[in-house]
């Protein structure tokens, strides 16, 4: 194929992913409802996975504190092989069926929490072992896989199976499967944060002000809400540390 043909065909395959996700919205909804319930009651959300699946879980977890002002440690991503595996594959890490539970125990996972196992194939031993042990210990478990009737799905209460079909490059689950997992994780964490009250309208009012771009964005939110000048908005924002607190300070004044 020419470069254009390759790009066109990859793009055509990618377009099937949201349609596959649409078929499992009820399953995603059920999992989100229990996550909201548990986190509202003080619990945490854990992701476990190997390779691309593990990296996607860590990516989603790492973006929650800056985006929604949630404390670090409320959403936790764990990858087979440890943090070194984020950048470089660790041989056979995914084959260890007992390691995930050891990794989870380091975080004192308990019955207040929710665990989601992420595995494109649905047969990763690291993930299977983790969700089995968690469920045996009374912890709510869910999964995100891309094969029907997978072993991981059989081990959890809230399975999500996004069947995306064969990859453009056979077996390369970083492609459609990875895209599906990323989209589902976006949906789960974003909907959870909205239901927890971490968004006002469609604005990230609790985001952390970690760079100038976000300070500027926050100031514009305040300007829009309070109908004040940029200088006044920036002063309020920097004084109170978040868009929400800045706006609330004027309501209580």
C-alpha atoms as a PDB file:
ATOM      1  CA  UNK A   1       0.000   0.000   0.000  1.00  0.00           C
ATOM      2  CA  UNK A   2       1.027   3.605  -0.476  1.00  0.00           C
ATOM      3  CA  UNK A   3       1.328   5.882   2.543  1.00  0.00           C
ATOM      4  CA  UNK A   4      -2.081   7.393   1.724  1.00  0.00           C
ATOM      5  CA  UNK A   5      -3.659   3.937   1.469  1.00  0.00           C
ATOM      6  CA  UNK A   6      -2.144   2.885   4.786  1.00  0.00           C
ATOM      7  CA  UNK A   7      -3.415   6.015   6.517  1.00  0.00           C
ATOM      8  CA  UNK A   8      -6.868   5.692   4.943  1.00  0.00           C
ATOM      9  CA  UNK A   9      -7.233   2.076   5.972  1.00  0.00           C
ATOM     10  CA  UNK A  10      -6.022   2.655   9.530  1.00  0.00           C
ATOM     11  CA  UNK A  11      -8.448   5.553   9.817  1.00  0.00           C
ATOM     12  CA  UNK A  12     -11.287   3.406   8.479  1.00  0.00           C
ATOM     13  CA  UNK A  13     -10.600   0.777  11.133  1.00  0.00           C
ATOM     14  CA  UNK A  14     -10.396   3.414  13.876  1.00  0.00           C
ATOM     15  CA  UNK A  15     -13.855   4.710  12.968  1.00  0.00           C
ATOM     16  CA  UNK A  16     -15.384   1.411  14.093  1.00  0.00           C
ATOM     17  CA  UNK A  17     -14.240   1.834  17.697  1.00  0.00           C
ATOM     18  CA  UNK A  18     -16.862   4.325  18.996  1.00  0.00           C
ATOM     19  CA  UNK A  19     -19.598   2.177  17.447  1.00  0.00           C
ATOM     20  CA  UNK A  20     -18.301  -0.865  19.335  1.00  0.00           C
ATOM     21  CA  UNK A  21     -18.319   1.172  22.558  1.00  0.00           C
ATOM     22  CA  UNK A  22     -21.892   2.318  21.932  1.00  0.00           C
ATOM     23  CA  UNK A  23     -23.013  -1.316  22.229  1.00  0.00           C
ATOM     24  CA  UNK A  24     -21.721  -1.585  25.803  1.00  0.00           C
ATOM     25  CA  UNK A  25     -22.922   1.729  27.263  1.00  0.00           C
ATOM     26  CA  UNK A  26     -25.242  -0.075  29.736  1.00  0.00           C
ATOM     27  CA  UNK A  27     -22.273  -2.028  31.123  1.00  0.00           C
ATOM     28  CA  UNK A  28     -20.200   1.143  31.436  1.00  0.00           C
ATOM     29  CA  UNK A  29     -23.128   2.849  33.173  1.00  0.00           C
ATOM     30  CA  UNK A  30     -23.447   0.066  35.750  1.00  0.00           C
ATOM     31  CA  UNK A  31     -19.735   0.253  36.579  1.00  0.00           C
ATOM     32  CA  UNK A  32     -19.744   4.047  36.843  1.00  0.00           C
ATOM     33  CA  UNK A  33     -22.714   3.970  39.223  1.00  0.00           C
ATOM     34  CA  UNK A  34     -20.916   1.688  41.680  1.00  0.00           C
ATOM     35  CA  UNK A  35     -17.674   3.718  41.378  1.00  0.00           C
ATOM     36  CA  UNK A  36     -19.522   6.949  42.213  1.00  0.00           C
ATOM     37  CA  UNK A  37     -21.175   5.267  45.185  1.00  0.00           C
ATOM     38  CA  UNK A  38     -17.884   3.913  46.527  1.00  0.00           C
ATOM     39  CA  UNK A  39     -15.800   7.070  45.962  1.00  0.00           C
ATOM     40  CA  UNK A  40     -18.566   9.214  47.494  1.00  0.00           C
ATOM     41  CA  UNK A  41     -18.290   7.031  50.572  1.00  0.00           C
ATOM     42  CA  UNK A  42     -14.520   7.584  50.780  1.00  0.00           C
ATOM     43  CA  UNK A  43     -13.282   4.736  48.582  1.00  0.00           C
ATOM     44  CA  UNK A  44     -10.747   4.786  45.775  1.00  0.00           C
ATOM     45  CA  UNK A  45     -10.580   3.620  42.167  1.00  0.00           C
ATOM     46  CA  UNK A  46      -7.746   1.325  41.064  1.00  0.00           C
ATOM     47  CA  UNK A  47      -6.675   0.298  37.560  1.00  0.00           C
ATOM     48  CA  UNK A  48      -4.378  -2.642  36.848  1.00  0.00           C
ATOM     49  CA  UNK A  49      -2.966  -3.721  33.501  1.00  0.00           C
ATOM     50  CA  UNK A  50       0.127  -4.811  31.584  1.00  0.00           C
ATOM     51  CA  UNK A  51       1.818  -3.070  28.654  1.00  0.00           C
ATOM     52  CA  UNK A  52      -0.417  -0.634  26.772  1.00  0.00           C
ATOM     53  CA  UNK A  53      -3.367  -1.434  29.044  1.00  0.00           C
ATOM     54  CA  UNK A  54      -1.351  -0.626  32.155  1.00  0.00           C
ATOM     55  CA  UNK A  55       0.007   2.582  30.661  1.00  0.00           C
ATOM     56  CA  UNK A  56      -3.489   3.763  29.729  1.00  0.00           C
ATOM     57  CA  UNK A  57      -4.691   3.159  33.279  1.00  0.00           C
ATOM     58  CA  UNK A  58      -1.785   5.158  34.689  1.00  0.00           C
ATOM     59  CA  UNK A  59      -2.423   7.939  32.156  1.00  0.00           C
ATOM     60  CA  UNK A  60      -6.065   8.229  33.160  1.00  0.00           C
ATOM     61  CA  UNK A  61      -5.285   8.132  36.881  1.00  0.00           C
ATOM     62  CA  UNK A  62      -2.504  10.718  36.608  1.00  0.00           C
ATOM     63  CA  UNK A  63      -4.769  13.244  34.896  1.00  0.00           C
ATOM     64  CA  UNK A  64      -7.490  13.248  37.573  1.00  0.00           C
ATOM     65  CA  UNK A  65      -5.807  15.446  40.225  1.00  0.00           C
ATOM     66  CA  UNK A  66      -4.777  18.303  37.888  1.00  0.00           C
ATOM     67  CA  UNK A  67      -8.022  18.230  35.911  1.00  0.00           C
ATOM     68  CA  UNK A  68     -10.504  17.891  38.755  1.00  0.00           C
ATOM     69  CA  UNK A  69      -8.579  18.844  41.892  1.00  0.00           C
ATOM     70  CA  UNK A  70      -9.007  15.371  43.369  1.00  0.00           C
ATOM     71  CA  UNK A  71      -6.387  14.426  45.967  1.00  0.00           C
ATOM     72  CA  UNK A  72      -3.574  12.223  44.679  1.00  0.00           C
ATOM     73  CA  UNK A  73      -4.229   8.616  45.597  1.00  0.00           C
ATOM     74  CA  UNK A  74      -7.982   8.629  44.928  1.00  0.00           C
ATOM     75  CA  UNK A  75      -7.501   7.139  41.454  1.00  0.00           C
ATOM     76  CA  UNK A  76      -4.475   4.838  41.200  1.00  0.00           C
ATOM     77  CA  UNK A  77      -3.008   3.139  38.138  1.00  0.00           C
ATOM     78  CA  UNK A  78      -0.719   0.118  38.536  1.00  0.00           C
ATOM     79  CA  UNK A  79       1.252  -1.538  35.723  1.00  0.00           C
ATOM     80  CA  UNK A  80       2.759  -5.025  35.662  1.00  0.00           C
ATOM     81  CA  UNK A  81       6.500  -4.702  36.169  1.00  0.00           C
ATOM     82  CA  UNK A  82       6.264  -1.494  38.184  1.00  0.00           C
ATOM     83  CA  UNK A  83       6.771   2.113  37.117  1.00  0.00           C
ATOM     84  CA  UNK A  84       9.796   1.194  34.993  1.00  0.00           C
ATOM     85  CA  UNK A  85       7.397  -0.620  32.665  1.00  0.00           C
ATOM     86  CA  UNK A  86       5.719   2.690  31.783  1.00  0.00           C
ATOM     87  CA  UNK A  87       8.646   3.500  29.478  1.00  0.00           C
ATOM     88  CA  UNK A  88      10.163   0.120  28.705  1.00  0.00           C
ATOM     89  CA  UNK A  89       8.588  -3.327  28.435  1.00  0.00           C
ATOM     90  CA  UNK A  90       9.428  -5.669  31.330  1.00  0.00           C
ATOM     91  CA  UNK A  91       9.729  -9.251  30.143  1.00  0.00           C
ATOM     92  CA  UNK A  92       7.198 -11.730  31.554  1.00  0.00           C
ATOM     93  CA  UNK A  93       5.780  -9.199  34.042  1.00  0.00           C
ATOM     94  CA  UNK A  94       2.284  -9.835  32.723  1.00  0.00           C
ATOM     95  CA  UNK A  95       2.657 -13.604  33.210  1.00  0.00           C
ATOM     96  CA  UNK A  96       2.817 -13.419  37.005  1.00  0.00           C
ATOM     97  CA  UNK A  97      -0.666 -14.182  38.344  1.00  0.00           C
ATOM     98  CA  UNK A  98       0.130 -13.374  41.988  1.00  0.00           C
ATOM     99  CA  UNK A  99       1.999 -10.074  41.604  1.00  0.00           C
ATOM    100  CA  UNK A 100      -0.990  -7.771  41.016  1.00  0.00           C
ATOM    101  CA  UNK A 101      -2.496  -8.548  44.404  1.00  0.00           C
ATOM    102  CA  UNK A 102       0.875  -7.877  46.074  1.00  0.00           C
ATOM    103  CA  UNK A 103       1.040  -4.537  44.238  1.00  0.00           C
ATOM    104  CA  UNK A 104      -2.512  -3.690  45.336  1.00  0.00           C
ATOM    105  CA  UNK A 105      -1.821  -4.641  48.949  1.00  0.00           C
ATOM    106  CA  UNK A 106       0.969  -2.060  49.032  1.00  0.00           C
ATOM    107  CA  UNK A 107      -1.803   0.517  48.629  1.00  0.00           C
ATOM    108  CA  UNK A 108      -3.894  -1.133  51.364  1.00  0.00           C
ATOM    109  CA  UNK A 109      -6.739  -1.830  48.950  1.00  0.00           C
ATOM    110  CA  UNK A 110      -9.921  -2.736  50.837  1.00  0.00           C
ATOM    111  CA  UNK A 111     -13.666  -3.252  50.541  1.00  0.00           C
ATOM    112  CA  UNK A 112     -14.307   0.497  50.223  1.00  0.00           C
ATOM    113  CA  UNK A 113     -12.470   0.541  46.877  1.00  0.00           C
ATOM    114  CA  UNK A 114     -13.168  -0.477  43.265  1.00  0.00           C
ATOM    115  CA  UNK A 115     -10.696  -2.322  41.023  1.00  0.00           C
ATOM    116  CA  UNK A 116     -10.815  -2.299  37.211  1.00  0.00           C
ATOM    117  CA  UNK A 117      -8.660  -4.804  35.344  1.00  0.00           C
ATOM    118  CA  UNK A 118      -7.665  -3.660  31.853  1.00  0.00           C
ATOM    119  CA  UNK A 119      -6.600  -6.307  29.323  1.00  0.00           C
ATOM    120  CA  UNK A 120      -7.167  -6.132  25.583  1.00  0.00           C
ATOM    121  CA  UNK A 121      -6.973  -9.897  25.179  1.00  0.00           C
ATOM    122  CA  UNK A 122      -8.857 -10.593  28.367  1.00  0.00           C
ATOM    123  CA  UNK A 123      -6.410 -13.339  29.298  1.00  0.00           C
ATOM    124  CA  UNK A 124      -3.472 -11.507  30.909  1.00  0.00           C
ATOM    125  CA  UNK A 125      -2.456 -13.555  34.013  1.00  0.00           C
ATOM    126  CA  UNK A 126      -1.387 -10.452  35.984  1.00  0.00           C
ATOM    127  CA  UNK A 127      -4.858  -8.936  35.573  1.00  0.00           C
ATOM    128  CA  UNK A 128      -6.772 -12.207  36.072  1.00  0.00           C
ATOM    129  CA  UNK A 129      -4.924 -12.877  39.319  1.00  0.00           C
ATOM    130  CA  UNK A 130      -5.478  -9.345  40.554  1.00  0.00           C
ATOM    131  CA  UNK A 131      -9.233  -9.231  40.005  1.00  0.00           C
ATOM    132  CA  UNK A 132      -9.719 -12.781  41.345  1.00  0.00           C
ATOM    133  CA  UNK A 133      -7.914 -11.940  44.588  1.00  0.00           C
ATOM    134  CA  UNK A 134      -9.726  -8.634  44.918  1.00  0.00           C
ATOM    135  CA  UNK A 135     -13.126 -10.224  44.464  1.00  0.00           C
ATOM    136  CA  UNK A 136     -12.242 -12.966  46.952  1.00  0.00           C
ATOM    137  CA  UNK A 137     -11.514 -10.174  49.429  1.00  0.00           C
ATOM    138  CA  UNK A 138     -14.906  -8.538  48.932  1.00  0.00           C
ATOM    139  CA  UNK A 139     -13.733  -5.717  46.657  1.00  0.00           C
ATOM    140  CA  UNK A 140     -15.941  -4.552  43.766  1.00  0.00           C
ATOM    141  CA  UNK A 141     -14.309  -5.500  40.458  1.00  0.00           C
ATOM    142  CA  UNK A 142     -14.792  -4.448  36.851  1.00  0.00           C
ATOM    143  CA  UNK A 143     -12.854  -4.976  33.633  1.00  0.00           C
ATOM    144  CA  UNK A 144     -12.239  -3.494  30.196  1.00  0.00           C
ATOM    145  CA  UNK A 145     -11.396  -6.052  27.507  1.00  0.00           C
ATOM    146  CA  UNK A 146     -11.684  -6.258  23.725  1.00  0.00           C
ATOM    147  CA  UNK A 147     -12.590  -9.938  23.306  1.00  0.00           C
ATOM    148  CA  UNK A 148     -15.967 -11.534  23.974  1.00  0.00           C
ATOM    149  CA  UNK A 149     -16.376 -14.011  26.842  1.00  0.00           C
ATOM    150  CA  UNK A 150     -12.823 -13.521  28.066  1.00  0.00           C
ATOM    151  CA  UNK A 151     -11.359 -15.013  31.226  1.00  0.00           C
ATOM    152  CA  UNK A 152     -10.969 -11.585  32.856  1.00  0.00           C
ATOM    153  CA  UNK A 153     -14.650 -10.837  32.224  1.00  0.00           C
ATOM    154  CA  UNK A 154     -15.660 -14.073  33.922  1.00  0.00           C
ATOM    155  CA  UNK A 155     -13.824 -13.088  37.093  1.00  0.00           C
ATOM    156  CA  UNK A 156     -15.464  -9.680  37.702  1.00  0.00           C
ATOM    157  CA  UNK A 157     -18.917  -8.355  38.556  1.00  0.00           C
ATOM    158  CA  UNK A 158     -18.866  -5.503  36.045  1.00  0.00           C
ATOM    159  CA  UNK A 159     -17.277  -6.662  32.759  1.00  0.00           C
ATOM    160  CA  UNK A 160     -17.038  -4.297  29.771  1.00  0.00           C
ATOM    161  CA  UNK A 161     -16.211  -6.057  26.499  1.00  0.00           C
ATOM    162  CA  UNK A 162     -15.574  -3.697  23.578  1.00  0.00           C
ATOM    163  CA  UNK A 163     -15.190  -6.112  20.669  1.00  0.00           C
ATOM    164  CA  UNK A 164     -13.247  -4.116  18.075  1.00  0.00           C
ATOM    165  CA  UNK A 165     -12.271  -7.024  15.805  1.00  0.00           C
ATOM    166  CA  UNK A 166      -8.902  -7.783  14.172  1.00  0.00           C
ATOM    167  CA  UNK A 167      -6.248  -5.072  14.218  1.00  0.00           C
ATOM    168  CA  UNK A 168      -4.838  -3.471  11.059  1.00  0.00           C
ATOM    169  CA  UNK A 169      -1.479  -4.924  12.105  1.00  0.00           C
ATOM    170  CA  UNK A 170      -2.436  -8.341  13.461  1.00  0.00           C
ATOM    171  CA  UNK A 171      -2.157  -8.558  17.236  1.00  0.00           C
ATOM    172  CA  UNK A 172      -1.102  -4.924  17.728  1.00  0.00           C
ATOM    173  CA  UNK A 173      -3.533  -4.102  20.503  1.00  0.00           C
ATOM    174  CA  UNK A 174      -2.028  -0.633  20.907  1.00  0.00           C
ATOM    175  CA  UNK A 175      -4.228   0.279  17.927  1.00  0.00           C
ATOM    176  CA  UNK A 176      -8.032  -0.222  17.998  1.00  0.00           C
ATOM    177  CA  UNK A 177      -8.018  -2.008  21.335  1.00  0.00           C
ATOM    178  CA  UNK A 178      -5.890   0.714  22.911  1.00  0.00           C
ATOM    179  CA  UNK A 179      -8.133   3.408  21.455  1.00  0.00           C
ATOM    180  CA  UNK A 180     -11.209   1.624  22.824  1.00  0.00           C
ATOM    181  CA  UNK A 181      -9.661   1.327  26.288  1.00  0.00           C
ATOM    182  CA  UNK A 182      -8.649   4.995  26.294  1.00  0.00           C
ATOM    183  CA  UNK A 183     -12.151   6.116  25.286  1.00  0.00           C
ATOM    184  CA  UNK A 184     -13.835   3.929  27.907  1.00  0.00           C
ATOM    185  CA  UNK A 185     -11.455   5.136  30.620  1.00  0.00           C
ATOM    186  CA  UNK A 186     -12.205   8.733  29.605  1.00  0.00           C
ATOM    187  CA  UNK A 187     -15.914   8.013  29.899  1.00  0.00           C
ATOM    188  CA  UNK A 188     -15.623   6.284  33.272  1.00  0.00           C
ATOM    189  CA  UNK A 189     -13.416   8.851  34.998  1.00  0.00           C
ATOM    190  CA  UNK A 190     -15.025  11.937  33.455  1.00  0.00           C
ATOM    191  CA  UNK A 191     -18.566  10.817  34.250  1.00  0.00           C
ATOM    192  CA  UNK A 192     -17.504   9.862  37.767  1.00  0.00           C
ATOM    193  CA  UNK A 193     -15.932  13.271  38.377  1.00  0.00           C
ATOM    194  CA  UNK A 194     -19.023  15.059  37.037  1.00  0.00           C
ATOM    195  CA  UNK A 195     -21.327  13.011  39.289  1.00  0.00           C
ATOM    196  CA  UNK A 196     -19.024  13.777  42.241  1.00  0.00           C
ATOM    197  CA  UNK A 197     -19.601  17.495  41.601  1.00  0.00           C
ATOM    198  CA  UNK A 198     -16.111  18.241  40.295  1.00  0.00           C
ATOM    199  CA  UNK A 199     -17.459  20.104  37.244  1.00  0.00           C
ATOM    200  CA  UNK A 200     -19.713  23.170  37.102  1.00  0.00           C
ATOM    201  CA  UNK A 201     -21.665  23.356  33.856  1.00  0.00           C
ATOM    202  CA  UNK A 202     -18.962  21.935  31.609  1.00  0.00           C
ATOM    203  CA  UNK A 203     -16.121  23.815  33.277  1.00  0.00           C
ATOM    204  CA  UNK A 204     -13.169  22.343  35.210  1.00  0.00           C
ATOM    205  CA  UNK A 205     -13.682  24.593  38.214  1.00  0.00           C
ATOM    206  CA  UNK A 206     -11.444  22.515  40.523  1.00  0.00           C
ATOM    207  CA  UNK A 207      -8.461  22.157  38.157  1.00  0.00           C
ATOM    208  CA  UNK A 208      -5.022  22.765  39.617  1.00  0.00           C
ATOM    209  CA  UNK A 209      -3.298  25.970  38.471  1.00  0.00           C
ATOM    210  CA  UNK A 210      -0.095  24.242  37.415  1.00  0.00           C
ATOM    211  CA  UNK A 211       0.900  26.534  34.538  1.00  0.00           C
ATOM    212  CA  UNK A 212       0.188  29.947  33.016  1.00  0.00           C
ATOM    213  CA  UNK A 213      -2.217  28.505  30.444  1.00  0.00           C
ATOM    214  CA  UNK A 214      -4.438  27.100  33.186  1.00  0.00           C
ATOM    215  CA  UNK A 215      -4.306  30.321  35.212  1.00  0.00           C
ATOM    216  CA  UNK A 216      -5.452  32.171  32.104  1.00  0.00           C
ATOM    217  CA  UNK A 217      -8.214  29.636  31.440  1.00  0.00           C
ATOM    218  CA  UNK A 218      -9.367  29.853  35.058  1.00  0.00           C
ATOM    219  CA  UNK A 219      -9.434  33.626  34.958  1.00  0.00           C
ATOM    220  CA  UNK A 220     -11.590  33.543  31.825  1.00  0.00           C
ATOM    221  CA  UNK A 221     -14.046  31.200  33.554  1.00  0.00           C
ATOM    222  CA  UNK A 222     -14.342  33.646  36.441  1.00  0.00           C
ATOM    223  CA  UNK A 223     -14.705  36.624  34.084  1.00  0.00           C
ATOM    224  CA  UNK A 224     -17.518  34.835  32.300  1.00  0.00           C
ATOM    225  CA  UNK A 225     -19.293  33.788  35.489  1.00  0.00           C
ATOM    226  CA  UNK A 226     -18.946  37.039  37.466  1.00  0.00           C
ATOM    227  CA  UNK A 227     -18.824  39.520  34.560  1.00  0.00           C
ATOM    228  CA  UNK A 228     -15.664  41.168  35.856  1.00  0.00           C
ATOM    229  CA  UNK A 229     -12.379  42.280  34.265  1.00  0.00           C
ATOM    230  CA  UNK A 230      -9.456  39.963  33.611  1.00  0.00           C
ATOM    231  CA  UNK A 231      -7.336  41.728  36.209  1.00  0.00           C
ATOM    232  CA  UNK A 232     -10.033  41.291  38.861  1.00  0.00           C
ATOM    233  CA  UNK A 233     -10.559  37.658  37.869  1.00  0.00           C
ATOM    234  CA  UNK A 234      -6.835  36.837  38.045  1.00  0.00           C
ATOM    235  CA  UNK A 235      -6.560  38.520  41.445  1.00  0.00           C
ATOM    236  CA  UNK A 236      -9.474  36.458  42.792  1.00  0.00           C
ATOM    237  CA  UNK A 237      -8.122  33.260  41.282  1.00  0.00           C
ATOM    238  CA  UNK A 238      -4.615  33.605  42.670  1.00  0.00           C
ATOM    239  CA  UNK A 239      -5.990  34.666  46.039  1.00  0.00           C
ATOM    240  CA  UNK A 240      -8.289  31.635  46.413  1.00  0.00           C
ATOM    241  CA  UNK A 241      -6.392  28.999  44.403  1.00  0.00           C
ATOM    242  CA  UNK A 242      -9.263  27.603  42.351  1.00  0.00           C
ATOM    243  CA  UNK A 243     -12.065  28.775  40.102  1.00  0.00           C
ATOM    244  CA  UNK A 244     -14.702  27.297  42.415  1.00  0.00           C
ATOM    245  CA  UNK A 245     -13.337  28.968  45.553  1.00  0.00           C
ATOM    246  CA  UNK A 246     -12.896  32.280  43.763  1.00  0.00           C
ATOM    247  CA  UNK A 247     -16.521  32.302  42.604  1.00  0.00           C
ATOM    248  CA  UNK A 248     -17.845  31.095  45.952  1.00  0.00           C
ATOM    249  CA  UNK A 249     -15.937  33.852  47.759  1.00  0.00           C
ATOM    250  CA  UNK A 250     -18.043  36.462  45.971  1.00  0.00           C
ATOM    251  CA  UNK A 251     -21.277  34.633  46.779  1.00  0.00           C
ATOM    252  CA  UNK A 252     -20.437  34.725  50.488  1.00  0.00           C
ATOM    253  CA  UNK A 253     -19.155  38.285  50.493  1.00  0.00           C
END
